[in-house]
Structures are given as C-alpha cells and as structure tokens.
Amino acid sequence: RFTISRDNAKNTVYLQMNSLKAEDTAVYYCNLGYSPYD
C-alpha cells in the first residue's frame, strides 16, 4: 500500500500512501532509517 522513494538532488524523501485505513491515522515523521536523530 505504501511506497517510499527519494530524490537525492532535492534532499527529499517521499511516502506514497494508497488504500489508506483508519489504523494509518498518526503523525508521520522522517528521519534517518537507522539510529534516528534526537
């Protein structure tokens, strides 16, 4: 349902979310994929 992608030229990461469900309700954050910044 979800697809993550990135554009290194724009320093941007995306999350395409399809077929959303009530349980997807949340605040969404980006960070490093390992050992996120504080």
PDB file of all heavy atoms in Angstrom:
ATOM      1  N   ARG A   1       0.825  -1.219   0.000  1.00  0.00           N
ATOM      2  CA  ARG A   1       0.000   0.000   0.000  1.00  0.00           C
ATOM      3  C   ARG A   1       0.856   1.264   0.000  1.00  0.00           C
ATOM      4  O   ARG A   1       0.467   2.272  -0.589  1.00  0.00           O
ATOM      5  CB  ARG A   1      -0.912   0.015   1.230  1.00  0.00           C
ATOM      6  CG  ARG A   1      -1.865  -1.152   1.304  1.00  0.00           C
ATOM      7  CD  ARG A   1      -2.886  -0.971   2.432  1.00  0.00           C
ATOM      8  NE  ARG A   1      -2.270  -0.910   3.753  1.00  0.00           N
ATOM      9  CZ  ARG A   1      -2.393   0.119   4.591  1.00  0.00           C
ATOM     10  NH1 ARG A   1      -3.091   1.179   4.240  1.00  0.00           N
ATOM     11  NH2 ARG A   1      -1.829   0.079   5.784  1.00  0.00           N
ATOM     12  N   PHE A   2       1.983   1.224   0.678  1.00  0.00           N
ATOM     13  CA  PHE A   2       2.864   2.392   0.795  1.00  0.00           C
ATOM     14  C   PHE A   2       4.116   2.177  -0.048  1.00  0.00           C
ATOM     15  O   PHE A   2       4.616   1.054  -0.170  1.00  0.00           O
ATOM     16  CB  PHE A   2       3.294   2.605   2.243  1.00  0.00           C
ATOM     17  CG  PHE A   2       2.213   3.081   3.179  1.00  0.00           C
ATOM     18  CD1 PHE A   2       0.874   3.091   2.816  1.00  0.00           C
ATOM     19  CD2 PHE A   2       2.550   3.528   4.451  1.00  0.00           C
ATOM     20  CE1 PHE A   2      -0.108   3.525   3.684  1.00  0.00           C
ATOM     21  CE2 PHE A   2       1.582   3.968   5.342  1.00  0.00           C
ATOM     22  CZ  PHE A   2       0.259   3.960   4.957  1.00  0.00           C
ATOM     23  N   THR A   3       4.629   3.278  -0.581  1.00  0.00           N
ATOM     24  CA  THR A   3       5.869   3.242  -1.342  1.00  0.00           C
ATOM     25  C   THR A   3       6.755   4.404  -0.927  1.00  0.00           C
ATOM     26  O   THR A   3       6.334   5.566  -0.989  1.00  0.00           O
ATOM     27  CB  THR A   3       5.603   3.337  -2.853  1.00  0.00           C
ATOM     28  OG1 THR A   3       4.737   2.272  -3.258  1.00  0.00           O
ATOM     29  CG2 THR A   3       6.914   3.234  -3.633  1.00  0.00           C
ATOM     30  N   ILE A   4       7.956   4.075  -0.493  1.00  0.00           N
ATOM     31  CA  ILE A   4       8.930   5.114  -0.131  1.00  0.00           C
ATOM     32  C   ILE A   4       9.854   5.339  -1.325  1.00  0.00           C
ATOM     33  O   ILE A   4      10.218   4.395  -2.038  1.00  0.00           O
ATOM     34  CB  ILE A   4       9.730   4.712   1.128  1.00  0.00           C
ATOM     35  CG1 ILE A   4      10.591   5.877   1.619  1.00  0.00           C
ATOM     36  CG2 ILE A   4      10.547   3.448   0.895  1.00  0.00           C
ATOM     37  CD1 ILE A   4      11.239   5.621   2.987  1.00  0.00           C
ATOM     38  N   SER A   5      10.215   6.590  -1.539  1.00  0.00           N
ATOM     39  CA  SER A   5      11.147   6.927  -2.615  1.00  0.00           C
ATOM     40  C   SER A   5      11.963   8.135  -2.186  1.00  0.00           C
ATOM     41  O   SER A   5      11.658   8.775  -1.169  1.00  0.00           O
ATOM     42  CB  SER A   5      10.395   7.211  -3.921  1.00  0.00           C
ATOM     43  OG  SER A   5       9.509   8.309  -3.773  1.00  0.00           O
ATOM     44  N   ARG A   6      12.977   8.437  -2.972  1.00  0.00           N
ATOM     45  CA  ARG A   6      13.845   9.563  -2.608  1.00  0.00           C
ATOM     46  C   ARG A   6      14.328  10.265  -3.864  1.00  0.00           C
ATOM     47  O   ARG A   6      14.453   9.647  -4.933  1.00  0.00           O
ATOM     48  CB  ARG A   6      15.022   9.092  -1.770  1.00  0.00           C
ATOM     49  CG  ARG A   6      15.979   8.150  -2.469  1.00  0.00           C
ATOM     50  CD  ARG A   6      16.957   7.521  -1.474  1.00  0.00           C
ATOM     51  NE  ARG A   6      17.808   8.529  -0.851  1.00  0.00           N
ATOM     52  CZ  ARG A   6      18.472   8.314   0.285  1.00  0.00           C
ATOM     53  NH1 ARG A   6      18.375   7.148   0.916  1.00  0.00           N
ATOM     54  NH2 ARG A   6      19.236   9.269   0.795  1.00  0.00           N
ATOM     55  N   ASP A   7      14.622  11.544  -3.701  1.00  0.00           N
ATOM     56  CA  ASP A   7      15.238  12.347  -4.755  1.00  0.00           C
ATOM     57  C   ASP A   7      16.469  12.989  -4.136  1.00  0.00           C
ATOM     58  O   ASP A   7      16.352  13.991  -3.414  1.00  0.00           O
ATOM     59  CB  ASP A   7      14.244  13.393  -5.262  1.00  0.00           C
ATOM     60  CG  ASP A   7      14.788  14.183  -6.442  1.00  0.00           C
ATOM     61  OD1 ASP A   7      16.020  14.249  -6.616  1.00  0.00           O
ATOM     62  OD2 ASP A   7      13.968  14.749  -7.179  1.00  0.00           O
ATOM     63  N   ASN A   8      17.619  12.418  -4.395  1.00  0.00           N
ATOM     64  CA  ASN A   8      18.838  12.912  -3.762  1.00  0.00           C
ATOM     65  C   ASN A   8      19.199  14.317  -4.236  1.00  0.00           C
ATOM     66  O   ASN A   8      19.829  15.078  -3.496  1.00  0.00           O
ATOM     67  CB  ASN A   8      19.996  11.957  -4.033  1.00  0.00           C
ATOM     68  CG  ASN A   8      19.867  10.651  -3.279  1.00  0.00           C
ATOM     69  OD1 ASN A   8      19.158  10.577  -2.270  1.00  0.00           O
ATOM     70  ND2 ASN A   8      20.508   9.608  -3.764  1.00  0.00           N
ATOM     71  N   ALA A   9      18.813  14.666  -5.446  1.00  0.00           N
ATOM     72  CA  ALA A   9      19.097  16.008  -5.952  1.00  0.00           C
ATOM     73  C   ALA A   9      18.326  17.073  -5.169  1.00  0.00           C
ATOM     74  O   ALA A   9      18.761  18.225  -5.076  1.00  0.00           O
ATOM     75  CB  ALA A   9      18.764  16.095  -7.432  1.00  0.00           C
ATOM     76  N   LYS A  10      17.188  16.672  -4.616  1.00  0.00           N
ATOM     77  CA  LYS A  10      16.354  17.618  -3.869  1.00  0.00           C
ATOM     78  C   LYS A  10      16.432  17.389  -2.359  1.00  0.00           C
ATOM     79  O   LYS A  10      15.717  18.054  -1.605  1.00  0.00           O
ATOM     80  CB  LYS A  10      14.898  17.499  -4.321  1.00  0.00           C
ATOM     81  CG  LYS A  10      14.669  17.891  -5.769  1.00  0.00           C
ATOM     82  CD  LYS A  10      13.196  17.788  -6.133  1.00  0.00           C
ATOM     83  CE  LYS A  10      12.956  18.227  -7.576  1.00  0.00           C
ATOM     84  NZ  LYS A  10      11.514  18.123  -7.949  1.00  0.00           N
ATOM     85  N   ASN A  11      17.262  16.437  -1.927  1.00  0.00           N
ATOM     86  CA  ASN A  11      17.355  16.104  -0.498  1.00  0.00           C
ATOM     87  C   ASN A  11      15.972  15.839   0.092  1.00  0.00           C
ATOM     88  O   ASN A  11      15.653  16.309   1.193  1.00  0.00           O
ATOM     89  CB  ASN A  11      18.048  17.219   0.288  1.00  0.00           C
ATOM     90  CG  ASN A  11      19.550  17.205   0.114  1.00  0.00           C
ATOM     91  OD1 ASN A  11      20.082  16.496  -0.733  1.00  0.00           O
ATOM     92  ND2 ASN A  11      20.234  18.005   0.907  1.00  0.00           N
ATOM     93  N   THR A  12      15.179  15.085  -0.647  1.00  0.00           N
ATOM     94  CA  THR A  12      13.791  14.862  -0.246  1.00  0.00           C
ATOM     95  C   THR A  12      13.455  13.380  -0.307  1.00  0.00           C
ATOM     96  O   THR A  12      13.871  12.673  -1.228  1.00  0.00           O
ATOM     97  CB  THR A  12      12.842  15.658  -1.158  1.00  0.00           C
ATOM     98  OG1 THR A  12      13.154  17.058  -1.038  1.00  0.00           O
ATOM     99  CG2 THR A  12      11.390  15.442  -0.758  1.00  0.00           C
ATOM    100  N   VAL A  13      12.705  12.940   0.674  1.00  0.00           N
ATOM    101  CA  VAL A  13      12.193  11.575   0.701  1.00  0.00           C
ATOM    102  C   VAL A  13      10.670  11.647   0.713  1.00  0.00           C
ATOM    103  O   VAL A  13      10.092  12.563   1.321  1.00  0.00           O
ATOM    104  CB  VAL A  13      12.753  10.783   1.905  1.00  0.00           C
ATOM    105  CG1 VAL A  13      12.384  11.422   3.230  1.00  0.00           C
ATOM    106  CG2 VAL A  13      12.334   9.331   1.854  1.00  0.00           C
ATOM    107  N   TYR A  14      10.051  10.712   0.026  1.00  0.00           N
ATOM    108  CA  TYR A  14       8.595  10.715  -0.144  1.00  0.00           C
ATOM    109  C   TYR A  14       7.985   9.428   0.417  1.00  0.00           C
ATOM    110  O   TYR A  14       8.655   8.396   0.512  1.00  0.00           O
ATOM    111  CB  TYR A  14       8.237  10.808  -1.623  1.00  0.00           C
ATOM    112  CG  TYR A  14       8.836  11.996  -2.335  1.00  0.00           C
ATOM    113  CD1 TYR A  14      10.013  11.871  -3.071  1.00  0.00           C
ATOM    114  CD2 TYR A  14       8.228  13.249  -2.265  1.00  0.00           C
ATOM    115  CE1 TYR A  14      10.573  12.956  -3.728  1.00  0.00           C
ATOM    116  CE2 TYR A  14       8.784  14.340  -2.918  1.00  0.00           C
ATOM    117  CZ  TYR A  14       9.951  14.189  -3.644  1.00  0.00           C
ATOM    118  OH  TYR A  14      10.495  15.275  -4.283  1.00  0.00           O
ATOM    119  N   LEU A  15       6.710   9.514   0.737  1.00  0.00           N
ATOM    120  CA  LEU A  15       5.957   8.326   1.101  1.00  0.00           C
ATOM    121  C   LEU A  15       4.604   8.411   0.403  1.00  0.00           C
ATOM    122  O   LEU A  15       3.773   9.250   0.753  1.00  0.00           O
ATOM    123  CB  LEU A  15       5.771   8.215   2.618  1.00  0.00           C
ATOM    124  CG  LEU A  15       5.136   6.922   3.088  1.00  0.00           C
ATOM    125  CD1 LEU A  15       6.075   5.727   2.830  1.00  0.00           C
ATOM    126  CD2 LEU A  15       4.769   6.980   4.569  1.00  0.00           C
ATOM    127  N   GLN A  16       4.423   7.568  -0.596  1.00  0.00           N
ATOM    128  CA  GLN A  16       3.137   7.469  -1.263  1.00  0.00           C
ATOM    129  C   GLN A  16       2.296   6.453  -0.515  1.00  0.00           C
ATOM    130  O   GLN A  16       2.718   5.300  -0.350  1.00  0.00           O
ATOM    131  CB  GLN A  16       3.325   7.024  -2.720  1.00  0.00           C
ATOM    132  CG  GLN A  16       2.034   6.826  -3.480  1.00  0.00           C
ATOM    133  CD  GLN A  16       1.281   8.119  -3.706  1.00  0.00           C
ATOM    134  OE1 GLN A  16       1.867   9.148  -4.047  1.00  0.00           O
ATOM    135  NE2 GLN A  16      -0.037   8.090  -3.491  1.00  0.00           N
ATOM    136  N   MET A  17       1.144   6.893  -0.064  1.00  0.00           N
ATOM    137  CA  MET A  17       0.271   6.037   0.740  1.00  0.00           C
ATOM    138  C   MET A  17      -1.044   5.849   0.000  1.00  0.00           C
ATOM    139  O   MET A  17      -1.769   6.816  -0.251  1.00  0.00           O
ATOM    140  CB  MET A  17       0.029   6.674   2.104  1.00  0.00           C
ATOM    141  CG  MET A  17       1.309   7.012   2.852  1.00  0.00           C
ATOM    142  SD  MET A  17       1.008   7.568   4.547  1.00  0.00           S
ATOM    143  CE  MET A  17       0.087   9.061   4.244  1.00  0.00           C
ATOM    144  N   ASN A  18      -1.325   4.617  -0.358  1.00  0.00           N
ATOM    145  CA  ASN A  18      -2.564   4.272  -1.051  1.00  0.00           C
ATOM    146  C   ASN A  18      -3.407   3.342  -0.184  1.00  0.00           C
ATOM    147  O   ASN A  18      -2.909   2.762   0.785  1.00  0.00           O
ATOM    148  CB  ASN A  18      -2.251   3.586  -2.383  1.00  0.00           C
ATOM    149  CG  ASN A  18      -1.460   4.465  -3.329  1.00  0.00           C
ATOM    150  OD1 ASN A  18      -1.610   5.693  -3.327  1.00  0.00           O
ATOM    151  ND2 ASN A  18      -0.612   3.858  -4.140  1.00  0.00           N
ATOM    152  N   SER A  19      -4.659   3.218  -0.546  1.00  0.00           N
ATOM    153  CA  SER A  19      -5.576   2.326   0.175  1.00  0.00           C
ATOM    154  C   SER A  19      -5.502   2.557   1.680  1.00  0.00           C
ATOM    155  O   SER A  19      -5.381   1.617   2.465  1.00  0.00           O
ATOM    156  CB  SER A  19      -5.251   0.865  -0.154  1.00  0.00           C
ATOM    157  OG  SER A  19      -5.327   0.632  -1.537  1.00  0.00           O
ATOM    158  N   LEU A  20      -5.573   3.804   2.055  1.00  0.00           N
ATOM    159  CA  LEU A  20      -5.407   4.151   3.465  1.00  0.00           C
ATOM    160  C   LEU A  20      -6.524   3.574   4.324  1.00  0.00           C
ATOM    161  O   LEU A  20      -7.688   3.477   3.892  1.00  0.00           O
ATOM    162  CB  LEU A  20      -5.327   5.666   3.617  1.00  0.00           C
ATOM    163  CG  LEU A  20      -3.956   6.246   3.245  1.00  0.00           C
ATOM    164  CD1 LEU A  20      -4.067   7.739   2.954  1.00  0.00           C
ATOM    165  CD2 LEU A  20      -2.952   5.990   4.348  1.00  0.00           C
ATOM    166  N   LYS A  21      -6.150   3.218   5.542  1.00  0.00           N
ATOM    167  CA  LYS A  21      -7.070   2.646   6.506  1.00  0.00           C
ATOM    168  C   LYS A  21      -7.109   3.515   7.762  1.00  0.00           C
ATOM    169  O   LYS A  21      -6.175   4.279   8.020  1.00  0.00           O
ATOM    170  CB  LYS A  21      -6.616   1.235   6.885  1.00  0.00           C
ATOM    171  CG  LYS A  21      -6.444   0.295   5.706  1.00  0.00           C
ATOM    172  CD  LYS A  21      -5.902  -1.049   6.172  1.00  0.00           C
ATOM    173  CE  LYS A  21      -5.717  -2.003   4.998  1.00  0.00           C
ATOM    174  NZ  LYS A  21      -5.183  -3.315   5.449  1.00  0.00           N
ATOM    175  N   ALA A  22      -8.143   3.342   8.536  1.00  0.00           N
ATOM    176  CA  ALA A  22      -8.262   4.120   9.770  1.00  0.00           C
ATOM    177  C   ALA A  22      -7.040   3.917  10.668  1.00  0.00           C
ATOM    178  O   ALA A  22      -6.585   4.856  11.334  1.00  0.00           O
ATOM    179  CB  ALA A  22      -9.535   3.722  10.505  1.00  0.00           C
ATOM    180  N   GLU A  23      -6.504   2.730  10.665  1.00  0.00           N
ATOM    181  CA  GLU A  23      -5.349   2.438  11.527  1.00  0.00           C
ATOM    182  C   GLU A  23      -4.057   3.079  11.046  1.00  0.00           C
ATOM    183  O   GLU A  23      -3.034   2.995  11.728  1.00  0.00           O
ATOM    184  CB  GLU A  23      -5.155   0.927  11.683  1.00  0.00           C
ATOM    185  CG  GLU A  23      -5.112   0.155  10.394  1.00  0.00           C
ATOM    186  CD  GLU A  23      -6.471  -0.457  10.047  1.00  0.00           C
ATOM    187  OE1 GLU A  23      -7.508   0.235  10.196  1.00  0.00           O
ATOM    188  OE2 GLU A  23      -6.483  -1.625   9.597  1.00  0.00           O
ATOM    189  N   ASP A  24      -4.090   3.733   9.901  1.00  0.00           N
ATOM    190  CA  ASP A  24      -2.929   4.501   9.440  1.00  0.00           C
ATOM    191  C   ASP A  24      -2.914   5.910  10.035  1.00  0.00           C
ATOM    192  O   ASP A  24      -1.947   6.653   9.822  1.00  0.00           O
ATOM    193  CB  ASP A  24      -2.922   4.603   7.909  1.00  0.00           C
ATOM    194  CG  ASP A  24      -2.758   3.257   7.231  1.00  0.00           C
ATOM    195  OD1 ASP A  24      -1.936   2.451   7.698  1.00  0.00           O
ATOM    196  OD2 ASP A  24      -3.458   3.030   6.219  1.00  0.00           O
ATOM    197  N   THR A  25      -3.964   6.265  10.732  1.00  0.00           N
ATOM    198  CA  THR A  25      -4.033   7.579  11.358  1.00  0.00           C
ATOM    199  C   THR A  25      -2.896   7.748  12.358  1.00  0.00           C
ATOM    200  O   THR A  25      -2.728   6.924  13.258  1.00  0.00           O
ATOM    201  CB  THR A  25      -5.380   7.772  12.059  1.00  0.00           C
ATOM    202  OG1 THR A  25      -6.417   7.788  11.062  1.00  0.00           O
ATOM    203  CG2 THR A  25      -5.417   9.057  12.856  1.00  0.00           C
ATOM    204  N   ALA A  26      -2.115   8.808  12.171  1.00  0.00           N
ATOM    205  CA  ALA A  26      -0.942   9.032  13.012  1.00  0.00           C
ATOM    206  C   ALA A  26      -0.269  10.327  12.567  1.00  0.00           C
ATOM    207  O   ALA A  26      -0.611  10.906  11.531  1.00  0.00           O
ATOM    208  CB  ALA A  26       0.051   7.883  12.878  1.00  0.00           C
ATOM    209  N   VAL A  27       0.696  10.753  13.360  1.00  0.00           N
ATOM    210  CA  VAL A  27       1.620  11.788  12.905  1.00  0.00           C
ATOM    211  C   VAL A  27       2.810  11.078  12.273  1.00  0.00           C
ATOM    212  O   VAL A  27       3.386  10.163  12.870  1.00  0.00           O
ATOM    213  CB  VAL A  27       2.073  12.685  14.064  1.00  0.00           C
ATOM    214  CG1 VAL A  27       3.047  13.743  13.555  1.00  0.00           C
ATOM    215  CG2 VAL A  27       0.880  13.348  14.729  1.00  0.00           C
ATOM    216  N   TYR A  28       3.154  11.507  11.073  1.00  0.00           N
ATOM    217  CA  TYR A  28       4.228  10.876  10.316  1.00  0.00           C
ATOM    218  C   TYR A  28       5.471  11.759  10.334  1.00  0.00           C
ATOM    219  O   TYR A  28       5.385  12.974  10.148  1.00  0.00           O
ATOM    220  CB  TYR A  28       3.776  10.617   8.882  1.00  0.00           C
ATOM    221  CG  TYR A  28       2.837   9.446   8.758  1.00  0.00           C
ATOM    222  CD1 TYR A  28       1.530   9.534   9.225  1.00  0.00           C
ATOM    223  CD2 TYR A  28       3.255   8.239   8.201  1.00  0.00           C
ATOM    224  CE1 TYR A  28       0.654   8.449   9.139  1.00  0.00           C
ATOM    225  CE2 TYR A  28       2.399   7.144   8.109  1.00  0.00           C
ATOM    226  CZ  TYR A  28       1.105   7.264   8.579  1.00  0.00           C
ATOM    227  OH  TYR A  28       0.255   6.181   8.495  1.00  0.00           O
ATOM    228  N   TYR A  29       6.607  11.117  10.539  1.00  0.00           N
ATOM    229  CA  TYR A  29       7.885  11.803  10.641  1.00  0.00           C
ATOM    230  C   TYR A  29       8.895  11.134   9.717  1.00  0.00           C
ATOM    231  O   TYR A  29       8.819   9.933   9.462  1.00  0.00           O
ATOM    232  CB  TYR A  29       8.451  11.717  12.049  1.00  0.00           C
ATOM    233  CG  TYR A  29       7.575  12.228  13.154  1.00  0.00           C
ATOM    234  CD1 TYR A  29       6.623  11.408  13.756  1.00  0.00           C
ATOM    235  CD2 TYR A  29       7.715  13.535  13.638  1.00  0.00           C
ATOM    236  CE1 TYR A  29       5.826  11.865  14.786  1.00  0.00           C
ATOM    237  CE2 TYR A  29       6.926  13.995  14.682  1.00  0.00           C
ATOM    238  CZ  TYR A  29       5.991  13.158  15.247  1.00  0.00           C
ATOM    239  OH  TYR A  29       5.211  13.615  16.274  1.00  0.00           O
ATOM    240  N   CYS A  30       9.866  11.905   9.283  1.00  0.00           N
ATOM    241  CA  CYS A  30      11.008  11.293   8.610  1.00  0.00           C
ATOM    242  C   CYS A  30      12.238  11.488   9.486  1.00  0.00           C
ATOM    243  O   CYS A  30      12.301  12.382  10.336  1.00  0.00           O
ATOM    244  CB  CYS A  30      11.225  11.867   7.219  1.00  0.00           C
ATOM    245  SG  CYS A  30      11.855  13.536   7.183  1.00  0.00           S
ATOM    246  N   ASN A  31      13.211  10.633   9.261  1.00  0.00           N
ATOM    247  CA  ASN A  31      14.465  10.705   9.998  1.00  0.00           C
ATOM    248  C   ASN A  31      15.420   9.717   9.338  1.00  0.00           C
ATOM    249  O   ASN A  31      15.061   9.078   8.340  1.00  0.00           O
ATOM    250  CB  ASN A  31      14.255  10.367  11.472  1.00  0.00           C
ATOM    251  CG  ASN A  31      15.247  11.031  12.392  1.00  0.00           C
ATOM    252  OD1 ASN A  31      16.438  11.029  12.120  1.00  0.00           O
ATOM    253  ND2 ASN A  31      14.759  11.597  13.484  1.00  0.00           N
ATOM    254  N   LEU A  32      16.593   9.565   9.887  1.00  0.00           N
ATOM    255  CA  LEU A  32      17.486   8.535   9.383  1.00  0.00           C
ATOM    256  C   LEU A  32      16.809   7.171   9.556  1.00  0.00           C
ATOM    257  O   LEU A  32      16.096   6.946  10.532  1.00  0.00           O
ATOM    258  CB  LEU A  32      18.810   8.558  10.139  1.00  0.00           C
ATOM    259  CG  LEU A  32      19.622   9.842  10.056  1.00  0.00           C
ATOM    260  CD1 LEU A  32      20.934   9.673  10.819  1.00  0.00           C
ATOM    261  CD2 LEU A  32      19.897  10.222   8.611  1.00  0.00           C
ATOM    262  N   GLY A  33      17.086   6.282   8.642  1.00  0.00           N
ATOM    263  CA  GLY A  33      16.467   4.975   8.713  1.00  0.00           C
ATOM    264  C   GLY A  33      17.051   4.075   9.795  1.00  0.00           C
ATOM    265  O   GLY A  33      16.402   3.122  10.230  1.00  0.00           O
ATOM    266  N   TYR A  34      18.241   4.367  10.220  1.00  0.00           N
ATOM    267  CA  TYR A  34      18.878   3.685  11.343  1.00  0.00           C
ATOM    268  C   TYR A  34      19.362   4.764  12.304  1.00  0.00           C
ATOM    269  O   TYR A  34      19.811   5.811  11.892  1.00  0.00           O
ATOM    270  CB  TYR A  34      20.061   2.847  10.865  1.00  0.00           C
ATOM    271  CG  TYR A  34      19.716   1.739   9.925  1.00  0.00           C
ATOM    272  CD1 TYR A  34      19.893   1.885   8.547  1.00  0.00           C
ATOM    273  CD2 TYR A  34      19.200   0.537  10.386  1.00  0.00           C
ATOM    274  CE1 TYR A  34      19.574   0.867   7.665  1.00  0.00           C
ATOM    275  CE2 TYR A  34      18.872  -0.493   9.511  1.00  0.00           C
ATOM    276  CZ  TYR A  34      19.062  -0.315   8.155  1.00  0.00           C
ATOM    277  OH  TYR A  34      18.730  -1.319   7.286  1.00  0.00           O
ATOM    278  N   SER A  35      19.306   4.530  13.556  1.00  0.00           N
ATOM    279  CA  SER A  35      19.773   5.480  14.574  1.00  0.00           C
ATOM    280  C   SER A  35      19.282   6.889  14.280  1.00  0.00           C
ATOM    281  O   SER A  35      20.074   7.790  13.967  1.00  0.00           O
ATOM    282  CB  SER A  35      21.311   5.473  14.630  1.00  0.00           C
ATOM    283  OG  SER A  35      21.782   4.189  14.930  1.00  0.00           O
ATOM    284  N   PRO A  36      17.978   7.106  14.367  1.00  0.00           N
ATOM    285  CA  PRO A  36      17.437   8.430  14.048  1.00  0.00           C
ATOM    286  C   PRO A  36      17.998   9.521  14.952  1.00  0.00           C
ATOM    287  O   PRO A  36      18.366   9.271  16.103  1.00  0.00           O
ATOM    288  CB  PRO A  36      15.932   8.263  14.257  1.00  0.00           C
ATOM    289  CG  PRO A  36      15.783   7.078  15.136  1.00  0.00           C
ATOM    290  CD  PRO A  36      16.923   6.182  14.811  1.00  0.00           C
ATOM    291  N   TYR A  37      18.054  10.719  14.396  1.00  0.00           N
ATOM    292  CA  TYR A  37      18.464  11.876  15.172  1.00  0.00           C
ATOM    293  C   TYR A  37      17.494  12.102  16.331  1.00  0.00           C
ATOM    294  O   TYR A  37      16.309  11.818  16.235  1.00  0.00           O
ATOM    295  CB  TYR A  37      18.472  13.132  14.305  1.00  0.00           C
ATOM    296  CG  TYR A  37      19.515  13.146  13.233  1.00  0.00           C
ATOM    297  CD1 TYR A  37      19.139  13.142  11.895  1.00  0.00           C
ATOM    298  CD2 TYR A  37      20.877  13.192  13.531  1.00  0.00           C
ATOM    299  CE1 TYR A  37      20.087  13.172  10.886  1.00  0.00           C
ATOM    300  CE2 TYR A  37      21.828  13.211  12.534  1.00  0.00           C
ATOM    301  CZ  TYR A  37      21.426  13.203  11.212  1.00  0.00           C
ATOM    302  OH  TYR A  37      22.372  13.231  10.212  1.00  0.00           O
ATOM    303  N   ASP A  38      18.013  12.683  17.393  1.00  0.00           N
ATOM    304  CA  ASP A  38      17.157  13.019  18.530  1.00  0.00           C
ATOM    305  C   ASP A  38      16.189  14.147  18.196  1.00  0.00           C
ATOM    306  O   ASP A  38      15.093  14.214  18.745  1.00  0.00           O
ATOM    307  CB  ASP A  38      18.014  13.420  19.741  1.00  0.00           C
ATOM    308  CG  ASP A  38      18.761  12.234  20.324  1.00  0.00           C
ATOM    309  OD1 ASP A  38      18.311  11.088  20.106  1.00  0.00           O
ATOM    310  OD2 ASP A  38      19.786  12.455  20.989  1.00  0.00           O
TER     311      ASP A  38
END
